[in-house]
C-alpha atoms as a PDB file:
ATOM      1  CA  MET A   1      -5.065 -57.743  55.706  1.00  0.00           C
ATOM      2  CA  ARG A   2      -3.668 -56.333  52.552  1.00  0.00           C
ATOM      3  CA  LEU A   3      -1.831 -58.416  49.984  1.00  0.00           C
ATOM      4  CA  LYS A   4       1.365 -56.406  50.443  1.00  0.00           C
ATOM      5  CA  THR A   5       1.224 -57.031  54.216  1.00  0.00           C
ATOM      6  CA  ILE A   6       0.903 -60.834  53.607  1.00  0.00           C
ATOM      7  CA  LEU A   7       3.870 -60.796  51.148  1.00  0.00           C
ATOM      8  CA  ASN A   8       5.996 -58.844  53.522  1.00  0.00           C
ATOM      9  CA  ARG A   9       5.325 -61.556  56.171  1.00  0.00           C
ATOM     10  CA  ILE A  10       6.034 -64.558  54.006  1.00  0.00           C
ATOM     11  CA  GLU A  11       8.024 -63.335  51.033  1.00  0.00           C
ATOM     12  CA  LYS A  12      10.132 -60.348  52.159  1.00  0.00           C
ATOM     13  CA  HIS A  13      13.262 -59.668  50.102  1.00  0.00           C
ATOM     14  CA  GLN A  14      16.110 -57.505  51.466  1.00  0.00           C
ATOM     15  CA  GLY A  15      16.820 -54.454  49.333  1.00  0.00           C
ATOM     16  CA  PHE A  16      13.364 -54.491  47.593  1.00  0.00           C
ATOM     17  CA  LEU A  17       9.907 -53.153  48.255  1.00  0.00           C
ATOM     18  CA  TYR A  18       6.448 -54.239  47.152  1.00  0.00           C
ATOM     19  CA  ASP A  19       4.775 -51.361  45.364  1.00  0.00           C
ATOM     20  CA  ALA A  20       1.379 -51.016  43.713  1.00  0.00           C
ATOM     21  CA  VAL A  21      -0.945 -54.096  43.519  1.00  0.00           C
ATOM     22  CA  ARG A  22      -3.365 -54.159  40.593  1.00  0.00           C
ATOM     23  CA  LEU A  23      -6.166 -56.434  39.551  1.00  0.00           C
ATOM     24  CA  GLU A  24      -6.355 -56.519  35.750  1.00  0.00           C
ATOM     25  CA  GLU A  25      -8.278 -58.370  33.133  1.00  0.00           C
ATOM     26  CA  GLU A  26      -6.197 -60.082  30.443  1.00  0.00           C
ATOM     27  CA  ASN A  27      -7.468 -62.475  27.775  1.00  0.00           C
ATOM     28  CA  ARG A  28     -10.831 -62.728  29.523  1.00  0.00           C
ATOM     29  CA  ARG A  29      -9.367 -63.582  32.916  1.00  0.00           C
ATOM     30  CA  LEU A  30      -8.352 -61.646  35.974  1.00  0.00           C
ATOM     31  CA  VAL A  31      -4.736 -61.477  37.054  1.00  0.00           C
ATOM     32  CA  ILE A  32      -3.041 -59.898  40.045  1.00  0.00           C
ATOM     33  CA  GLU A  33       0.137 -57.919  39.321  1.00  0.00           C
ATOM     34  CA  VAL A  34       2.431 -56.819  42.127  1.00  0.00           C
ATOM     35  CA  ALA A  35       5.003 -54.217  41.280  1.00  0.00           C
ATOM     36  CA  ILE A  36       8.430 -54.461  42.927  1.00  0.00           C
ATOM     37  CA  ARG A  37      10.982 -51.629  43.247  1.00  0.00           C
ATOM     38  CA  PRO A  38      14.440 -51.510  44.732  1.00  0.00           C
ATOM     39  CA  ARG A  39      14.923 -49.760  47.988  1.00  0.00           C
ATOM     40  CA  ALA A  40      16.444 -46.263  47.705  1.00  0.00           C
ATOM     41  CA  HIS A  41      20.244 -46.231  47.573  1.00  0.00           C
ATOM     42  CA  SER A  42      20.344 -50.055  47.331  1.00  0.00           C
ATOM     43  CA  ARG A  43      22.972 -51.604  45.024  1.00  0.00           C
ATOM     44  CA  PRO A  44      22.195 -54.241  42.562  1.00  0.00           C
ATOM     45  CA  THR A  45      23.964 -57.609  42.908  1.00  0.00           C
ATOM     46  CA  CYS A  46      25.982 -58.897  39.901  1.00  0.00           C
ATOM     47  CA  SER A  47      24.683 -62.160  38.535  1.00  0.00           C
ATOM     48  CA  GLY A  48      28.208 -63.215  37.726  1.00  0.00           C
ATOM     49  CA  CYS A  49      30.184 -62.855  40.985  1.00  0.00           C
ATOM     50  CA  GLN A  50      27.203 -62.239  43.385  1.00  0.00           C
ATOM     51  CA  ARG A  51      28.784 -58.990  44.592  1.00  0.00           C
ATOM     52  CA  PRO A  52      27.055 -55.630  44.833  1.00  0.00           C
ATOM     53  CA  GLY A  53      28.011 -53.121  42.152  1.00  0.00           C
ATOM     54  CA  ALA A  54      27.201 -49.770  40.702  1.00  0.00           C
ATOM     55  CA  GLY A  55      23.993 -49.431  38.823  1.00  0.00           C
ATOM     56  CA  TYR A  56      24.326 -49.056  35.053  1.00  0.00           C
ATOM     57  CA  ASP A  57      20.728 -48.759  33.763  1.00  0.00           C
ATOM     58  CA  SER A  58      17.403 -50.653  33.854  1.00  0.00           C
ATOM     59  CA  LEU A  59      15.862 -53.039  31.384  1.00  0.00           C
ATOM     60  CA  PRO A  60      12.167 -53.039  30.406  1.00  0.00           C
ATOM     61  CA  ALA A  61       9.954 -54.477  33.189  1.00  0.00           C
ATOM     62  CA  ARG A  62       9.323 -58.198  33.144  1.00  0.00           C
ATOM     63  CA  ARG A  63       6.901 -60.532  34.837  1.00  0.00           C
ATOM     64  CA  PHE A  64       7.647 -63.394  37.203  1.00  0.00           C
ATOM     65  CA  ALA A  65       4.962 -65.872  37.942  1.00  0.00           C
ATOM     66  CA  PHE A  66       4.067 -66.319  41.633  1.00  0.00           C
ATOM     67  CA  VAL A  67       1.761 -68.759  43.458  1.00  0.00           C
ATOM     68  CA  PRO A  68      -1.849 -68.189  42.396  1.00  0.00           C
ATOM     69  CA  LEU A  69      -4.249 -66.720  44.977  1.00  0.00           C
ATOM     70  CA  TRP A  70      -7.977 -67.406  45.033  1.00  0.00           C
ATOM     71  CA  GLY A  71      -7.584 -69.151  41.674  1.00  0.00           C
ATOM     72  CA  LEU A  72      -6.149 -66.041  40.066  1.00  0.00           C
ATOM     73  CA  PRO A  73      -2.641 -65.936  38.460  1.00  0.00           C
ATOM     74  CA  VAL A  74      -0.252 -63.697  40.319  1.00  0.00           C
ATOM     75  CA  PHE A  75       2.761 -61.930  38.798  1.00  0.00           C
ATOM     76  CA  PHE A  76       5.605 -59.931  40.190  1.00  0.00           C
ATOM     77  CA  ARG A  77       6.549 -56.973  37.881  1.00  0.00           C
ATOM     78  CA  TYR A  78      10.069 -55.720  38.038  1.00  0.00           C
ATOM     79  CA  ALA A  79      12.531 -53.824  35.880  1.00  0.00           C
ATOM     80  CA  MET A  80      15.857 -55.578  36.131  1.00  0.00           C
ATOM     81  CA  ARG A  81      18.868 -53.389  36.671  1.00  0.00           C
ATOM     82  CA  GLN A  82      22.198 -53.765  34.975  1.00  0.00           C
ATOM     83  CA  VAL A  83      25.275 -53.792  37.060  1.00  0.00           C
ATOM     84  CA  ASP A  84      28.592 -52.121  36.184  1.00  0.00           C
ATOM     85  CA  CYS A  85      30.722 -54.764  37.908  1.00  0.00           C
ATOM     86  CA  ARG A  86      34.467 -54.282  38.199  1.00  0.00           C
ATOM     87  CA  ALA A  87      35.093 -57.987  37.883  1.00  0.00           C
ATOM     88  CA  CYS A  88      32.447 -59.115  35.300  1.00  0.00           C
ATOM     89  CA  GLY A  89      31.705 -56.029  33.335  1.00  0.00           C
ATOM     90  CA  VAL A  90      28.108 -55.039  32.619  1.00  0.00           C
ATOM     91  CA  ARG A  91      25.798 -57.774  33.874  1.00  0.00           C
ATOM     92  CA  VAL A  92      22.093 -58.084  34.616  1.00  0.00           C
ATOM     93  CA  GLU A  93      21.476 -58.107  38.352  1.00  0.00           C
ATOM     94  CA  THR A  94      20.397 -61.211  40.246  1.00  0.00           C
ATOM     95  CA  VAL A  95      17.167 -61.053  42.211  1.00  0.00           C
ATOM     96  CA  PRO A  96      16.161 -63.088  45.305  1.00  0.00           C
ATOM     97  CA  TRP A  97      12.813 -64.269  44.098  1.00  0.00           C
ATOM     98  CA  ALA A  98      13.995 -66.074  40.910  1.00  0.00           C
ATOM     99  CA  GLU A  99      17.034 -67.949  39.651  1.00  0.00           C
ATOM    100  CA  GLY A 100      18.916 -67.032  36.549  1.00  0.00           C
ATOM    101  CA  ASN A 101      16.761 -65.794  33.686  1.00  0.00           C
ATOM    102  CA  ARG A 102      13.689 -67.811  34.756  1.00  0.00           C
ATOM    103  CA  ARG A 103      10.281 -66.142  34.705  1.00  0.00           C
ATOM    104  CA  LEU A 104       9.024 -68.434  37.434  1.00  0.00           C
ATOM    105  CA  THR A 105       9.603 -67.374  41.045  1.00  0.00           C
ATOM    106  CA  THR A 106      11.414 -69.953  43.134  1.00  0.00           C
ATOM    107  CA  THR A 107       8.492 -70.067  45.580  1.00  0.00           C
ATOM    108  CA  TYR A 108       6.119 -70.947  42.724  1.00  0.00           C
ATOM    109  CA  ALA A 109       8.563 -73.481  41.238  1.00  0.00           C
ATOM    110  CA  TRP A 110       8.686 -75.369  44.552  1.00  0.00           C
ATOM    111  CA  PHE A 111       4.864 -75.162  44.781  1.00  0.00           C
ATOM    112  CA  LEU A 112       4.502 -76.755  41.307  1.00  0.00           C
ATOM    113  CA  ALA A 113       7.192 -79.403  42.020  1.00  0.00           C
ATOM    114  CA  ARG A 114       5.332 -80.589  45.161  1.00  0.00           C
ATOM    115  CA  TRP A 115       2.127 -80.939  43.281  1.00  0.00           C
ATOM    116  CA  ALA A 116       3.937 -82.692  40.436  1.00  0.00           C
ATOM    117  CA  LYS A 117       4.632 -85.534  42.909  1.00  0.00           C
ATOM    118  CA  ARG A 118       0.873 -86.087  43.343  1.00  0.00           C
ATOM    119  CA  LEU A 119      -0.581 -85.350  39.909  1.00  0.00           C
ATOM    120  CA  SER A 120       0.496 -85.721  36.355  1.00  0.00           C
ATOM    121  CA  TRP A 121       2.442 -82.741  35.052  1.00  0.00           C
ATOM    122  CA  THR A 122      -0.438 -81.983  32.579  1.00  0.00           C
ATOM    123  CA  GLU A 123      -2.969 -81.988  35.418  1.00  0.00           C
ATOM    124  CA  VAL A 124      -0.790 -79.604  37.525  1.00  0.00           C
ATOM    125  CA  ALA A 125      -0.438 -77.230  34.485  1.00  0.00           C
ATOM    126  CA  GLU A 126      -4.146 -77.142  33.992  1.00  0.00           C
ATOM    127  CA  ALA A 127      -5.035 -76.839  37.704  1.00  0.00           C
ATOM    128  CA  PHE A 128      -2.783 -73.785  38.230  1.00  0.00           C
ATOM    129  CA  GLN A 129      -3.136 -72.154  34.799  1.00  0.00           C
ATOM    130  CA  THR A 130       0.403 -72.573  33.678  1.00  0.00           C
ATOM    131  CA  THR A 131       2.213 -74.553  31.028  1.00  0.00           C
ATOM    132  CA  TRP A 132       3.580 -78.072  30.935  1.00  0.00           C
ATOM    133  CA  GLU A 133       6.984 -76.554  30.244  1.00  0.00           C
ATOM    134  CA  GLN A 134       6.820 -74.549  33.482  1.00  0.00           C
ATOM    135  CA  VAL A 135       5.922 -77.649  35.496  1.00  0.00           C
ATOM    136  CA  PHE A 136       8.853 -79.510  33.869  1.00  0.00           C
ATOM    137  CA  ARG A 137      11.288 -76.654  34.752  1.00  0.00           C
ATOM    138  CA  ALA A 138       9.999 -76.772  38.339  1.00  0.00           C
ATOM    139  CA  ALA A 139      10.508 -80.453  38.596  1.00  0.00           C
ATOM    140  CA  GLU A 140      13.938 -80.208  37.034  1.00  0.00           C
ATOM    141  CA  MET A 141      14.866 -77.552  39.677  1.00  0.00           C
ATOM    142  CA  ALA A 142      13.658 -79.841  42.487  1.00  0.00           C
ATOM    143  CA  VAL A 143      15.590 -82.794  41.077  1.00  0.00           C
ATOM    144  CA  THR A 144      18.798 -80.724  40.744  1.00  0.00           C
ATOM    145  CA  TRP A 145      18.445 -79.443  44.301  1.00  0.00           C
ATOM    146  CA  GLY A 146      17.809 -82.869  45.614  1.00  0.00           C
ATOM    147  CA  ARG A 147      20.885 -84.301  43.896  1.00  0.00           C
ATOM    148  CA  GLN A 148      23.002 -81.569  45.439  1.00  0.00           C
ATOM    149  CA  HIS A 149      21.621 -82.061  48.972  1.00  0.00           C
ATOM    150  CA  HIS A 150      20.768 -85.650  49.188  1.00  0.00           C
ATOM    151  CA  ALA A 151      23.255 -88.396  50.251  1.00  0.00           C
ATOM    152  CA  LEU A 152      23.034 -91.138  47.728  1.00  0.00           C
ATOM    153  CA  THR A 153      23.204 -93.907  50.273  1.00  0.00           C
ATOM    154  CA  GLY A 154      20.802 -96.686  51.065  1.00  0.00           C
ATOM    155  CA  ILE A 155      19.120 -96.707  47.655  1.00  0.00           C
ATOM    156  CA  THR A 156      17.824-100.215  47.069  1.00  0.00           C
ATOM    157  CA  THR A 157      14.626 -99.593  44.924  1.00  0.00           C
ATOM    158  CA  ILE A 158      14.133 -97.347  41.932  1.00  0.00           C
ATOM    159  CA  GLY A 159      11.529 -96.770  39.303  1.00  0.00           C
ATOM    160  CA  ILE A 160      12.233 -95.839  35.702  1.00  0.00           C
ATOM    161  CA  ASP A 161       9.537 -93.991  33.783  1.00  0.00           C
ATOM    162  CA  GLU A 162       9.225 -91.712  30.749  1.00  0.00           C
ATOM    163  CA  VAL A 163       6.886 -88.893  29.939  1.00  0.00           C
ATOM    164  CA  GLN A 164       6.068 -87.445  26.513  1.00  0.00           C
ATOM    165  CA  TRP A 165       6.708 -83.738  26.526  1.00  0.00           C
ATOM    166  CA  ARG A 166       6.510 -82.785  22.919  1.00  0.00           C
ATOM    167  CA  ARG A 167       4.707 -84.064  19.852  1.00  0.00           C
ATOM    168  CA  GLY A 168       6.666 -86.491  17.638  1.00  0.00           C
ATOM    169  CA  HIS A 169       7.727 -88.935  20.279  1.00  0.00           C
ATOM    170  CA  GLU A 170       9.839 -86.561  22.347  1.00  0.00           C
ATOM    171  CA  TYR A 171      10.369 -88.122  25.728  1.00  0.00           C
ATOM    172  CA  LEU A 172      11.995 -87.411  29.146  1.00  0.00           C
ATOM    173  CA  THR A 173      13.452 -90.312  31.148  1.00  0.00           C
ATOM    174  CA  LEU A 174      12.721 -89.996  34.907  1.00  0.00           C
ATOM    175  CA  VAL A 175      14.252 -92.171  37.663  1.00  0.00           C
ATOM    176  CA  TYR A 176      12.712 -92.253  41.152  1.00  0.00           C
ATOM    177  CA  GLN A 177      13.972 -93.655  44.450  1.00  0.00           C
ATOM    178  CA  LEU A 178      11.110 -95.861  45.776  1.00  0.00           C
ATOM    179  CA  ASP A 179      12.399 -96.959  49.160  1.00  0.00           C
ATOM    180  CA  ALA A 180      10.114 -96.792  52.153  1.00  0.00           C
ATOM    181  CA  GLY A 181      10.246 -93.242  53.571  1.00  0.00           C
ATOM    182  CA  ALA A 182      12.414 -92.029  50.627  1.00  0.00           C
ATOM    183  CA  LYS A 183      10.243 -91.637  47.586  1.00  0.00           C
ATOM    184  CA  TRP A 184      11.658 -88.746  45.474  1.00  0.00           C
ATOM    185  CA  PRO A 185      12.992 -88.040  42.017  1.00  0.00           C
ATOM    186  CA  LEU A 186      16.632 -89.049  41.570  1.00  0.00           C
ATOM    187  CA  TRP A 187      17.440 -88.157  38.014  1.00  0.00           C
ATOM    188  CA  LEU A 188      15.988 -86.568  34.887  1.00  0.00           C
ATOM    189  CA  GLY A 189      17.282 -86.830  31.300  1.00  0.00           C
ATOM    190  CA  GLU A 190      16.110 -85.723  27.972  1.00  0.00           C
ATOM    191  CA  HIS A 191      15.040 -88.362  25.402  1.00  0.00           C
ATOM    192  CA  ARG A 192      14.392 -92.052  25.852  1.00  0.00           C
ATOM    193  CA  PRO A 193      17.323 -93.801  24.099  1.00  0.00           C
ATOM    194  CA  VAL A 194      19.679 -96.312  25.726  1.00  0.00           C
ATOM    195  CA  LYS A 195      22.434 -93.660  26.039  1.00  0.00           C
ATOM    196  CA  THR A 196      20.170 -91.631  28.269  1.00  0.00           C
ATOM    197  CA  LEU A 197      19.615 -94.497  30.686  1.00  0.00           C
ATOM    198  CA  LEU A 198      23.268 -95.394  30.618  1.00  0.00           C
ATOM    199  CA  ARG A 199      24.083 -91.862  31.710  1.00  0.00           C
ATOM    200  CA  PHE A 200      21.929 -92.383  34.762  1.00  0.00           C
ATOM    201  CA  PHE A 201      23.745 -95.524  35.804  1.00  0.00           C
ATOM    202  CA  ARG A 202      27.091 -93.822  35.285  1.00  0.00           C
ATOM    203  CA  TRP A 203      25.971 -90.999  37.450  1.00  0.00           C
ATOM    204  CA  LEU A 204      24.679 -93.454  40.121  1.00  0.00           C
ATOM    205  CA  SER A 205      28.083 -95.315  40.033  1.00  0.00           C
ATOM    206  CA  THR A 206      28.870 -98.975  39.754  1.00  0.00           C
ATOM    207  CA  GLU A 207      28.866 -99.520  43.457  1.00  0.00           C
ATOM    208  CA  ARG A 208      25.454 -98.038  44.065  1.00  0.00           C
ATOM    209  CA  SER A 209      24.030 -99.806  41.007  1.00  0.00           C
ATOM    210  CA  ALA A 210      25.210-103.148  42.390  1.00  0.00           C
ATOM    211  CA  ALA A 211      23.430-102.418  45.660  1.00  0.00           C
ATOM    212  CA  LEU A 212      20.041-102.067  43.919  1.00  0.00           C
ATOM    213  CA  ARG A 213      17.609-104.892  44.865  1.00  0.00           C
ATOM    214  CA  PHE A 214      14.424-103.905  42.904  1.00  0.00           C
ATOM    215  CA  ILE A 215      13.934-101.903  39.692  1.00  0.00           C
ATOM    216  CA  CYS A 216      10.453-101.122  38.377  1.00  0.00           C
ATOM    217  CA  SER A 217       9.870-100.039  34.772  1.00  0.00           C
ATOM    218  CA  ASP A 218       7.572-100.395  31.801  1.00  0.00           C
ATOM    219  CA  MET A 219       7.950-103.099  29.175  1.00  0.00           C
ATOM    220  CA  TRP A 220      10.425-101.266  26.999  1.00  0.00           C
ATOM    221  CA  LYS A 221      12.897-103.954  25.810  1.00  0.00           C
ATOM    222  CA  LEU A 222      15.883-101.709  25.550  1.00  0.00           C
ATOM    223  CA  CYS A 223      15.379-100.594  29.204  1.00  0.00           C
ATOM    224  CA  SER A 224      15.414-104.246  30.211  1.00  0.00           C
ATOM    225  CA  ARG A 225      18.807-104.717  28.482  1.00  0.00           C
ATOM    226  CA  VAL A 226      20.335-101.704  30.132  1.00  0.00           C
ATOM    227  CA  VAL A 227      19.123-102.852  33.605  1.00  0.00           C
ATOM    228  CA  ALA A 228      20.394-106.399  33.021  1.00  0.00           C
ATOM    229  CA  LYS A 229      23.802-104.996  32.098  1.00  0.00           C
ATOM    230  CA  LYS A 230      24.139-102.355  34.811  1.00  0.00           C
ATOM    231  CA  ALA A 231      22.147-103.861  37.680  1.00  0.00           C
ATOM    232  CA  GLY A 232      21.862-107.534  36.901  1.00  0.00           C
ATOM    233  CA  THR A 233      21.422-108.649  40.494  1.00  0.00           C
ATOM    234  CA  ALA A 234      18.332-106.522  41.042  1.00  0.00           C
ATOM    235  CA  ALA A 235      14.817-107.962  40.485  1.00  0.00           C
ATOM    236  CA  HIS A 236      13.338-106.242  37.446  1.00  0.00           C
ATOM    237  CA  ILE A 237       9.668-105.625  37.977  1.00  0.00           C
ATOM    238  CA  LEU A 238       7.346-104.608  35.173  1.00  0.00           C
ATOM    239  CA  ASP A 239       4.725-102.137  36.361  1.00  0.00           C
ATOM    240  CA  ARG A 240       1.122-103.378  36.457  1.00  0.00           C
ATOM    241  CA  PHE A 241      -0.247-100.510  34.342  1.00  0.00           C
ATOM    242  CA  HIS A 242       1.651-101.578  31.206  1.00  0.00           C
ATOM    243  CA  ILE A 243       0.950-105.296  31.737  1.00  0.00           C
ATOM    244  CA  VAL A 244      -2.743-104.584  31.990  1.00  0.00           C
ATOM    245  CA  ALA A 245      -2.575-102.355  28.921  1.00  0.00           C
ATOM    246  CA  HIS A 246      -0.977-105.149  26.856  1.00  0.00           C
ATOM    247  CA  LEU A 247      -3.480-107.705  28.133  1.00  0.00           C
ATOM    248  CA  SER A 248      -6.390-105.358  27.244  1.00  0.00           C
ATOM    249  CA  LYS A 249      -5.019-104.937  23.799  1.00  0.00           C
ATOM    250  CA  ALA A 250      -4.633-108.678  23.320  1.00  0.00           C
ATOM    251  CA  ILE A 251      -8.211-109.382  24.590  1.00  0.00           C
ATOM    252  CA  GLY A 252      -9.562-106.760  22.320  1.00  0.00           C
ATOM    253  CA  GLU A 253      -7.793-108.310  19.263  1.00  0.00           C
ATOM    254  CA  VAL A 254      -9.035-111.842  20.117  1.00  0.00           C
ATOM    255  CA  ARG A 255     -12.551-110.548  20.666  1.00  0.00           C
ATOM    256  CA  ALA A 256     -12.546-108.733  17.321  1.00  0.00           C
ATOM    257  CA  ALA A 257     -11.130-111.784  15.480  1.00  0.00           C
ATOM    258  CA  GLU A 258     -13.793-114.102  17.039  1.00  0.00           C
ATOM    259  CA  ALA A 259     -16.577-111.708  16.144  1.00  0.00           C
ATOM    260  CA  ARG A 260     -15.422-111.618  12.476  1.00  0.00           C
ATOM    261  CA  ALA A 261     -15.192-115.417  12.447  1.00  0.00           C
ATOM    262  CA  LEU A 262     -18.706-115.874  13.860  1.00  0.00           C
ATOM    263  CA  LYS A 263     -20.108-113.433  11.319  1.00  0.00           C
ATOM    264  CA  ALA A 264     -18.304-115.207   8.410  1.00  0.00           C
ATOM    265  CA  GLN A 265     -19.983-118.437   9.493  1.00  0.00           C
ATOM    266  CA  GLY A 266     -23.361-116.782   9.406  1.00  0.00           C
ATOM    267  CA  ARG A 267     -23.707-116.854  13.177  1.00  0.00           C
ATOM    268  CA  GLU A 268     -24.510-113.985  15.488  1.00  0.00           C
ATOM    269  CA  PRO A 269     -21.334-112.101  16.533  1.00  0.00           C
ATOM    270  CA  VAL A 270     -22.190-112.188  20.200  1.00  0.00           C
ATOM    271  CA  LEU A 271     -18.808-110.740  21.127  1.00  0.00           C
ATOM    272  CA  THR A 272     -19.218-107.475  19.137  1.00  0.00           C
ATOM    273  CA  HIS A 273     -20.383-105.358  22.085  1.00  0.00           C
ATOM    274  CA  THR A 274     -18.592-107.105  24.926  1.00  0.00           C
ATOM    275  CA  ALA A 275     -15.852-105.454  26.937  1.00  0.00           C
ATOM    276  CA  GLY A 276     -12.367-105.795  25.551  1.00  0.00           C
ATOM    277  CA  SER A 277     -10.314-104.735  28.570  1.00  0.00           C
ATOM    278  CA  CYS A 278      -9.228-106.173  31.826  1.00  0.00           C
ATOM    279  CA  SER A 279      -9.167-104.571  35.247  1.00  0.00           C
ATOM    280  CA  SER A 280      -6.070-103.120  36.801  1.00  0.00           C
ATOM    281  CA  ASP A 281      -7.457-104.244  40.163  1.00  0.00           C
ATOM    282  CA  PRO A 282      -5.460-107.364  41.303  1.00  0.00           C
ATOM    283  CA  ARG A 283      -8.527-108.675  43.139  1.00  0.00           C
ATOM    284  CA  THR A 284     -10.415-109.089  39.888  1.00  0.00           C
END
C-alpha cells in the first residue's frame, strides 16, 4: 500500500490532494516529504472569516511537520494561497491540517501531547526528532482544547509543577487535575512568580478553589503561601521527589562534614566513599 493511499484513508482533506512523495537526505538523515496541492477550481478559505474567497496569489511553499513514519521525519509541503476576501481584504488561507501559522500539523501536535503525558517533554522531543518548543506548543494546544471542552466540576485534587524551558531560570507553571479517572492538564502559565499561580486560582474561581481537598506541589515556599491563601481548607502535600532530594543533600553535607572532621583528627575518613543519598522508595 502506497503512502498516499494510507494518507487518503486516515488524513484526507476536502479540497486538497496529496501529490508527489519524496524520500530525501537532509543533514545526514532521511526525511519524507509529501507535496500537497489544491484541487482544481477549489477556492481558498479566508483565515479571518472562514469563508471561501477568490484566490489572490500563492506564497512560497512551506513545510508542516507530520507524525514520523518508520523513525523518519515526515513533512507536508504546501504553497499557501492568499485570499482576496470581500470582508477581510487580502488574507492568507486557512488549511485543515494545521492551525493558524503553526508549522506543526494538528495530528502531530496531538500525537506529541499524548506522549508528553507519559514522558518528560525533553524525552518526547528526543524520541521523535523535534524540539522542546514544539512539544510545549503541542501541550499548550491540548490544554487550551481541554479547557474549552471540559466541565470544571468535581475537581478535588490538583498538582502544581514547574518545568524549565529556557536557560536563565525561565519556567512554566503547570497545574494538573489528579482525581481518579480524571488526570489531565488544567492550566499552563508562563513564569514561576506568585502572580502566575494567582492567575490560575482566579481562573479556577473562588467556589472551585474552596472545593479542593488535596494539592500536591514541590517545596517552593511562595507556592505554599498562595495555596494557603486561595485554598486554605485543602491538605497541601509536598511531593516525595523533592523531599528525598533535600534529604539526600542534607545527608551528603553531613557526610562530608564528618569526613573532614575525622581527617582533621588524624583518623581515617571512613565516610569519604559512602553513599550520600537516600532512596525514593518508601519501603527502604
